[in-house]
Amino acid sequence: MKKKTVGKLRLPLIITGDWCIGSKDFSKPAFEQLCSDVERYKVKSLVIVGNLFQAQGYIEGFNQYF
């Protein structure tokens, strides 16, 4: 995935908590809902709060991966 420095966010966007598919707290139903929302609302940017705290930016073009 392409990560980009925070500066300009494209709308619409989703702000989500820090999650990882391999983590013990990963929820498949929540992930499926996230993917559904990305398609339904034509999300342009996905902002993962943990990545902001780690200065990793956000994911641009998230919906092209699903």
PDB file of N, CA and C in Angstrom:
ATOM      1  N   MET A   1       0.834  -1.172   0.000  1.00  0.00           N
ATOM      2  CA  MET A   1       0.000   0.000   0.000  1.00  0.00           C
ATOM      3  C   MET A   1       0.881   1.238   0.000  1.00  0.00           C
ATOM      4  N   LYS A   2       0.399   2.260  -0.655  1.00  0.00           N
ATOM      5  CA  LYS A   2       1.140   3.519  -0.709  1.00  0.00           C
ATOM      6  C   LYS A   2       0.784   4.357   0.511  1.00  0.00           C
ATOM      7  N   LYS A   3       1.785   4.704   1.299  1.00  0.00           N
ATOM      8  CA  LYS A   3       1.553   5.582   2.444  1.00  0.00           C
ATOM      9  C   LYS A   3       2.010   6.973   2.078  1.00  0.00           C
ATOM     10  N   LYS A   4       1.334   7.963   2.629  1.00  0.00           N
ATOM     11  CA  LYS A   4       1.591   9.350   2.263  1.00  0.00           C
ATOM     12  C   LYS A   4       1.641  10.200   3.523  1.00  0.00           C
ATOM     13  N   THR A   5       2.506  11.170   3.533  1.00  0.00           N
ATOM     14  CA  THR A   5       2.603  12.078   4.670  1.00  0.00           C
ATOM     15  C   THR A   5       1.296  12.833   4.849  1.00  0.00           C
ATOM     16  N   VAL A   6       0.886  12.976   6.092  1.00  0.00           N
ATOM     17  CA  VAL A   6      -0.358  13.684   6.365  1.00  0.00           C
ATOM     18  C   VAL A   6      -0.207  15.135   5.943  1.00  0.00           C
ATOM     19  N   GLY A   7      -1.149  15.630   5.251  1.00  0.00           N
ATOM     20  CA  GLY A   7      -1.163  17.009   4.799  1.00  0.00           C
ATOM     21  C   GLY A   7      -2.509  17.277   4.176  1.00  0.00           C
ATOM     22  N   LYS A   8      -2.768  16.630   3.041  1.00  0.00           N
ATOM     23  CA  LYS A   8      -4.058  16.763   2.387  1.00  0.00           C
ATOM     24  C   LYS A   8      -4.767  15.418   2.462  1.00  0.00           C
ATOM     25  N   LEU A   9      -5.980  15.426   2.934  1.00  0.00           N
ATOM     26  CA  LEU A   9      -6.807  14.234   2.944  1.00  0.00           C
ATOM     27  C   LEU A   9      -7.874  14.406   1.885  1.00  0.00           C
ATOM     28  N   ARG A  10      -8.172  13.349   1.183  1.00  0.00           N
ATOM     29  CA  ARG A  10      -9.211  13.401   0.159  1.00  0.00           C
ATOM     30  C   ARG A  10     -10.512  12.885   0.753  1.00  0.00           C
ATOM     31  N   LEU A  11     -11.585  13.575   0.467  1.00  0.00           N
ATOM     32  CA  LEU A  11     -12.899  13.195   0.970  1.00  0.00           C
ATOM     33  C   LEU A  11     -13.622  12.350  -0.055  1.00  0.00           C
ATOM     34  N   PRO A  12     -14.459  11.432   0.361  1.00  0.00           N
ATOM     35  CA  PRO A  12     -14.729  11.085   1.751  1.00  0.00           C
ATOM     36  C   PRO A  12     -13.572  10.284   2.350  1.00  0.00           C
ATOM     37  N   LEU A  13     -13.540  10.266   3.685  1.00  0.00           N
ATOM     38  CA  LEU A  13     -12.492   9.522   4.374  1.00  0.00           C
ATOM     39  C   LEU A  13     -13.089   8.737   5.527  1.00  0.00           C
ATOM     40  N   ILE A  14     -12.359   7.738   5.980  1.00  0.00           N
ATOM     41  CA  ILE A  14     -12.730   6.970   7.171  1.00  0.00           C
ATOM     42  C   ILE A  14     -11.584   7.108   8.155  1.00  0.00           C
ATOM     43  N   ILE A  15     -11.916   7.372   9.410  1.00  0.00           N
ATOM     44  CA  ILE A  15     -10.923   7.379  10.477  1.00  0.00           C
ATOM     45  C   ILE A  15     -11.193   6.137  11.323  1.00  0.00           C
ATOM     46  N   THR A  16     -10.182   5.305  11.470  1.00  0.00           N
ATOM     47  CA  THR A  16     -10.356   4.053  12.194  1.00  0.00           C
ATOM     48  C   THR A  16      -9.256   3.881  13.231  1.00  0.00           C
ATOM     49  N   GLY A  17      -9.512   3.019  14.190  1.00  0.00           N
ATOM     50  CA  GLY A  17      -8.501   2.711  15.198  1.00  0.00           C
ATOM     51  C   GLY A  17      -7.345   1.937  14.586  1.00  0.00           C
ATOM     52  N   ASP A  18      -6.312   1.743  15.373  1.00  0.00           N
ATOM     53  CA  ASP A  18      -5.142   0.992  14.922  1.00  0.00           C
ATOM     54  C   ASP A  18      -5.505  -0.489  14.921  1.00  0.00           C
ATOM     55  N   TRP A  19      -5.413  -1.132  13.790  1.00  0.00           N
ATOM     56  CA  TRP A  19      -5.723  -2.554  13.703  1.00  0.00           C
ATOM     57  C   TRP A  19      -4.771  -3.221  12.725  1.00  0.00           C
ATOM     58  N   CYS A  20      -4.608  -4.497  12.917  1.00  0.00           N
ATOM     59  CA  CYS A  20      -3.733  -5.276  12.048  1.00  0.00           C
ATOM     60  C   CYS A  20      -4.380  -6.641  11.865  1.00  0.00           C
ATOM     61  N   ILE A  21      -4.392  -7.149  10.651  1.00  0.00           N
ATOM     62  CA  ILE A  21      -5.037  -8.432  10.378  1.00  0.00           C
ATOM     63  C   ILE A  21      -4.448  -9.539  11.249  1.00  0.00           C
ATOM     64  N   GLY A  22      -3.181  -9.457  11.580  1.00  0.00           N
ATOM     65  CA  GLY A  22      -2.543 -10.493  12.385  1.00  0.00           C
ATOM     66  C   GLY A  22      -2.671 -10.311  13.887  1.00  0.00           C
ATOM     67  N   SER A  23      -3.294  -9.232  14.344  1.00  0.00           N
ATOM     68  CA  SER A  23      -3.353  -8.981  15.785  1.00  0.00           C
ATOM     69  C   SER A  23      -4.398  -9.860  16.459  1.00  0.00           C
ATOM     70  N   LYS A  24      -4.241 -10.053  17.767  1.00  0.00           N
ATOM     71  CA  LYS A  24      -5.176 -10.907  18.512  1.00  0.00           C
ATOM     72  C   LYS A  24      -6.559 -10.281  18.611  1.00  0.00           C
ATOM     73  N   ASP A  25      -6.664  -8.975  18.476  1.00  0.00           N
ATOM     74  CA  ASP A  25      -7.953  -8.293  18.571  1.00  0.00           C
ATOM     75  C   ASP A  25      -8.617  -8.085  17.215  1.00  0.00           C
ATOM     76  N   PHE A  26      -8.030  -8.649  16.160  1.00  0.00           N
ATOM     77  CA  PHE A  26      -8.595  -8.474  14.821  1.00  0.00           C
ATOM     78  C   PHE A  26      -9.993  -9.077  14.764  1.00  0.00           C
ATOM     79  N   SER A  27     -10.923  -8.352  14.166  1.00  0.00           N
ATOM     80  CA  SER A  27     -12.304  -8.809  14.025  1.00  0.00           C
ATOM     81  C   SER A  27     -12.652  -8.885  12.545  1.00  0.00           C
ATOM     82  N   LYS A  28     -12.870 -10.097  12.069  1.00  0.00           N
ATOM     83  CA  LYS A  28     -13.216 -10.255  10.654  1.00  0.00           C
ATOM     84  C   LYS A  28     -14.517  -9.527  10.302  1.00  0.00           C
ATOM     85  N   PRO A  29     -15.587  -9.622  11.114  1.00  0.00           N
ATOM     86  CA  PRO A  29     -16.809  -8.874  10.781  1.00  0.00           C
ATOM     87  C   PRO A  29     -16.573  -7.361  10.703  1.00  0.00           C
ATOM     88  N   ALA A  30     -15.759  -6.821  11.607  1.00  0.00           N
ATOM     89  CA  ALA A  30     -15.473  -5.382  11.569  1.00  0.00           C
ATOM     90  C   ALA A  30     -14.684  -5.022  10.318  1.00  0.00           C
ATOM     91  N   PHE A  31     -13.735  -5.878   9.934  1.00  0.00           N
ATOM     92  CA  PHE A  31     -12.951  -5.639   8.725  1.00  0.00           C
ATOM     93  C   PHE A  31     -13.843  -5.694   7.486  1.00  0.00           C
ATOM     94  N   GLU A  32     -14.744  -6.672   7.437  1.00  0.00           N
ATOM     95  CA  GLU A  32     -15.670  -6.777   6.305  1.00  0.00           C
ATOM     96  C   GLU A  32     -16.577  -5.551   6.228  1.00  0.00           C
ATOM     97  N   GLN A  33     -17.017  -5.042   7.378  1.00  0.00           N
ATOM     98  CA  GLN A  33     -17.844  -3.831   7.388  1.00  0.00           C
ATOM     99  C   GLN A  33     -17.044  -2.636   6.904  1.00  0.00           C
ATOM    100  N   LEU A  34     -15.778  -2.548   7.313  1.00  0.00           N
ATOM    101  CA  LEU A  34     -14.911  -1.471   6.844  1.00  0.00           C
ATOM    102  C   LEU A  34     -14.797  -1.516   5.325  1.00  0.00           C
ATOM    103  N   CYS A  35     -14.559  -2.695   4.766  1.00  0.00           N
ATOM    104  CA  CYS A  35     -14.444  -2.835   3.308  1.00  0.00           C
ATOM    105  C   CYS A  35     -15.747  -2.454   2.618  1.00  0.00           C
ATOM    106  N   SER A  36     -16.867  -2.858   3.210  1.00  0.00           N
ATOM    107  CA  SER A  36     -18.173  -2.510   2.657  1.00  0.00           C
ATOM    108  C   SER A  36     -18.393  -1.000   2.667  1.00  0.00           C
ATOM    109  N   ASP A  37     -18.035  -0.353   3.768  1.00  0.00           N
ATOM    110  CA  ASP A  37     -18.184   1.103   3.868  1.00  0.00           C
ATOM    111  C   ASP A  37     -17.293   1.828   2.863  1.00  0.00           C
ATOM    112  N   VAL A  38     -16.082   1.306   2.655  1.00  0.00           N
ATOM    113  CA  VAL A  38     -15.165   1.906   1.680  1.00  0.00           C
ATOM    114  C   VAL A  38     -15.806   1.905   0.298  1.00  0.00           C
ATOM    115  N   GLU A  39     -16.406   0.783  -0.080  1.00  0.00           N
ATOM    116  CA  GLU A  39     -17.060   0.705  -1.393  1.00  0.00           C
ATOM    117  C   GLU A  39     -18.311   1.568  -1.443  1.00  0.00           C
ATOM    118  N   ARG A  40     -19.153   1.471  -0.421  1.00  0.00           N
ATOM    119  CA  ARG A  40     -20.432   2.184  -0.408  1.00  0.00           C
ATOM    120  C   ARG A  40     -20.242   3.693  -0.493  1.00  0.00           C
ATOM    121  N   TYR A  41     -19.299   4.216   0.275  1.00  0.00           N
ATOM    122  CA  TYR A  41     -19.105   5.660   0.345  1.00  0.00           C
ATOM    123  C   TYR A  41     -17.977   6.170  -0.542  1.00  0.00           C
ATOM    124  N   LYS A  42     -17.404   5.265  -1.360  1.00  0.00           N
ATOM    125  CA  LYS A  42     -16.323   5.632  -2.291  1.00  0.00           C
ATOM    126  C   LYS A  42     -15.207   6.387  -1.557  1.00  0.00           C
ATOM    127  N   VAL A  43     -14.723   5.763  -0.497  1.00  0.00           N
ATOM    128  CA  VAL A  43     -13.701   6.361   0.361  1.00  0.00           C
ATOM    129  C   VAL A  43     -12.412   6.588  -0.411  1.00  0.00           C
ATOM    130  N   LYS A  44     -11.854   7.766  -0.276  1.00  0.00           N
ATOM    131  CA  LYS A  44     -10.598   8.131  -0.941  1.00  0.00           C
ATOM    132  C   LYS A  44      -9.402   7.986  -0.012  1.00  0.00           C
ATOM    133  N   SER A  45      -9.602   8.185   1.297  1.00  0.00           N
ATOM    134  CA  SER A  45      -8.505   8.109   2.265  1.00  0.00           C
ATOM    135  C   SER A  45      -8.947   7.310   3.483  1.00  0.00           C
ATOM    136  N   LEU A  46      -8.041   6.476   3.978  1.00  0.00           N
ATOM    137  CA  LEU A  46      -8.265   5.742   5.215  1.00  0.00           C
ATOM    138  C   LEU A  46      -7.228   6.228   6.214  1.00  0.00           C
ATOM    139  N   VAL A  47      -7.685   6.809   7.301  1.00  0.00           N
ATOM    140  CA  VAL A  47      -6.786   7.330   8.322  1.00  0.00           C
ATOM    141  C   VAL A  47      -6.779   6.336   9.482  1.00  0.00           C
ATOM    142  N   ILE A  48      -5.620   5.732   9.734  1.00  0.00           N
ATOM    143  CA  ILE A  48      -5.467   4.786  10.833  1.00  0.00           C
ATOM    144  C   ILE A  48      -4.756   5.529  11.962  1.00  0.00           C
ATOM    145  N   VAL A  49      -5.454   5.703  13.060  1.00  0.00           N
ATOM    146  CA  VAL A  49      -4.961   6.537  14.150  1.00  0.00           C
ATOM    147  C   VAL A  49      -3.570   6.109  14.615  1.00  0.00           C
ATOM    148  N   GLY A  50      -3.332   4.822  14.776  1.00  0.00           N
ATOM    149  CA  GLY A  50      -2.020   4.349  15.217  1.00  0.00           C
ATOM    150  C   GLY A  50      -0.915   4.765  14.275  1.00  0.00           C
ATOM    151  N   ASN A  51      -1.189   4.781  12.976  1.00  0.00           N
ATOM    152  CA  ASN A  51      -0.179   5.205  12.008  1.00  0.00           C
ATOM    153  C   ASN A  51       0.126   6.691  12.140  1.00  0.00           C
ATOM    154  N   LEU A  52      -0.869   7.491  12.495  1.00  0.00           N
ATOM    155  CA  LEU A  52      -0.615   8.915  12.706  1.00  0.00           C
ATOM    156  C   LEU A  52       0.306   9.114  13.902  1.00  0.00           C
ATOM    157  N   PHE A  53       0.050   8.360  14.983  1.00  0.00           N
ATOM    158  CA  PHE A  53       0.902   8.469  16.173  1.00  0.00           C
ATOM    159  C   PHE A  53       2.327   8.019  15.880  1.00  0.00           C
ATOM    160  N   GLN A  54       2.475   7.074  14.958  1.00  0.00           N
ATOM    161  CA  GLN A  54       3.797   6.560  14.607  1.00  0.00           C
ATOM    162  C   GLN A  54       4.412   7.334  13.441  1.00  0.00           C
ATOM    163  N   ALA A  55       3.764   8.423  13.031  1.00  0.00           N
ATOM    164  CA  ALA A  55       4.230   9.288  11.939  1.00  0.00           C
ATOM    165  C   ALA A  55       4.384   8.533  10.626  1.00  0.00           C
ATOM    166  N   GLN A  56       3.471   7.594  10.366  1.00  0.00           N
ATOM    167  CA  GLN A  56       3.516   6.827   9.125  1.00  0.00           C
ATOM    168  C   GLN A  56       2.547   7.363   8.073  1.00  0.00           C
ATOM    169  N   GLY A  57       1.789   8.383   8.414  1.00  0.00           N
ATOM    170  CA  GLY A  57       0.870   8.953   7.437  1.00  0.00           C
ATOM    171  C   GLY A  57      -0.429   8.171   7.347  1.00  0.00           C
ATOM    172  N   TYR A  58      -1.042   8.201   6.185  1.00  0.00           N
ATOM    173  CA  TYR A  58      -2.301   7.503   5.980  1.00  0.00           C
ATOM    174  C   TYR A  58      -2.248   6.777   4.646  1.00  0.00           C
ATOM    175  N   ILE A  59      -3.238   5.931   4.394  1.00  0.00           N
ATOM    176  CA  ILE A  59      -3.262   5.136   3.175  1.00  0.00           C
ATOM    177  C   ILE A  59      -4.135   5.833   2.144  1.00  0.00           C
ATOM    178  N   GLU A  60      -3.564   6.112   0.991  1.00  0.00           N
ATOM    179  CA  GLU A  60      -4.298   6.761  -0.091  1.00  0.00           C
ATOM    180  C   GLU A  60      -4.724   5.689  -1.083  1.00  0.00           C
ATOM    181  N   GLY A  61      -5.913   5.817  -1.630  1.00  0.00           N
ATOM    182  CA  GLY A  61      -6.382   4.850  -2.612  1.00  0.00           C
ATOM    183  C   GLY A  61      -6.678   3.497  -1.988  1.00  0.00           C
ATOM    184  N   PHE A  62      -7.145   3.506  -0.740  1.00  0.00           N
ATOM    185  CA  PHE A  62      -7.404   2.271   0.004  1.00  0.00           C
ATOM    186  C   PHE A  62      -8.333   1.342  -0.757  1.00  0.00           C
ATOM    187  N   ASN A  63      -9.371   1.897  -1.380  1.00  0.00           N
ATOM    188  CA  ASN A  63     -10.385   1.058  -2.009  1.00  0.00           C
ATOM    189  C   ASN A  63      -9.870   0.271  -3.208  1.00  0.00           C
ATOM    190  N   GLN A  64      -8.724   0.601  -3.763  1.00  0.00           N
ATOM    191  CA  GLN A  64      -8.229  -0.156  -4.906  1.00  0.00           C
ATOM    192  C   GLN A  64      -7.662  -1.515  -4.484  1.00  0.00           C
ATOM    193  N   TYR A  65      -7.521  -1.757  -3.184  1.00  0.00           N
ATOM    194  CA  TYR A  65      -6.956  -3.016  -2.711  1.00  0.00           C
ATOM    195  C   TYR A  65      -8.025  -4.043  -2.375  1.00  0.00           C
ATOM    196  N   PHE A  66      -9.307  -3.680  -2.480  1.00  0.00           N
ATOM    197  CA  PHE A  66     -10.384  -4.593  -2.114  1.00  0.00           C
ATOM    198  C   PHE A  66     -11.365  -4.757  -3.240  1.00  0.00           C
TER     199      PHE A  66
END
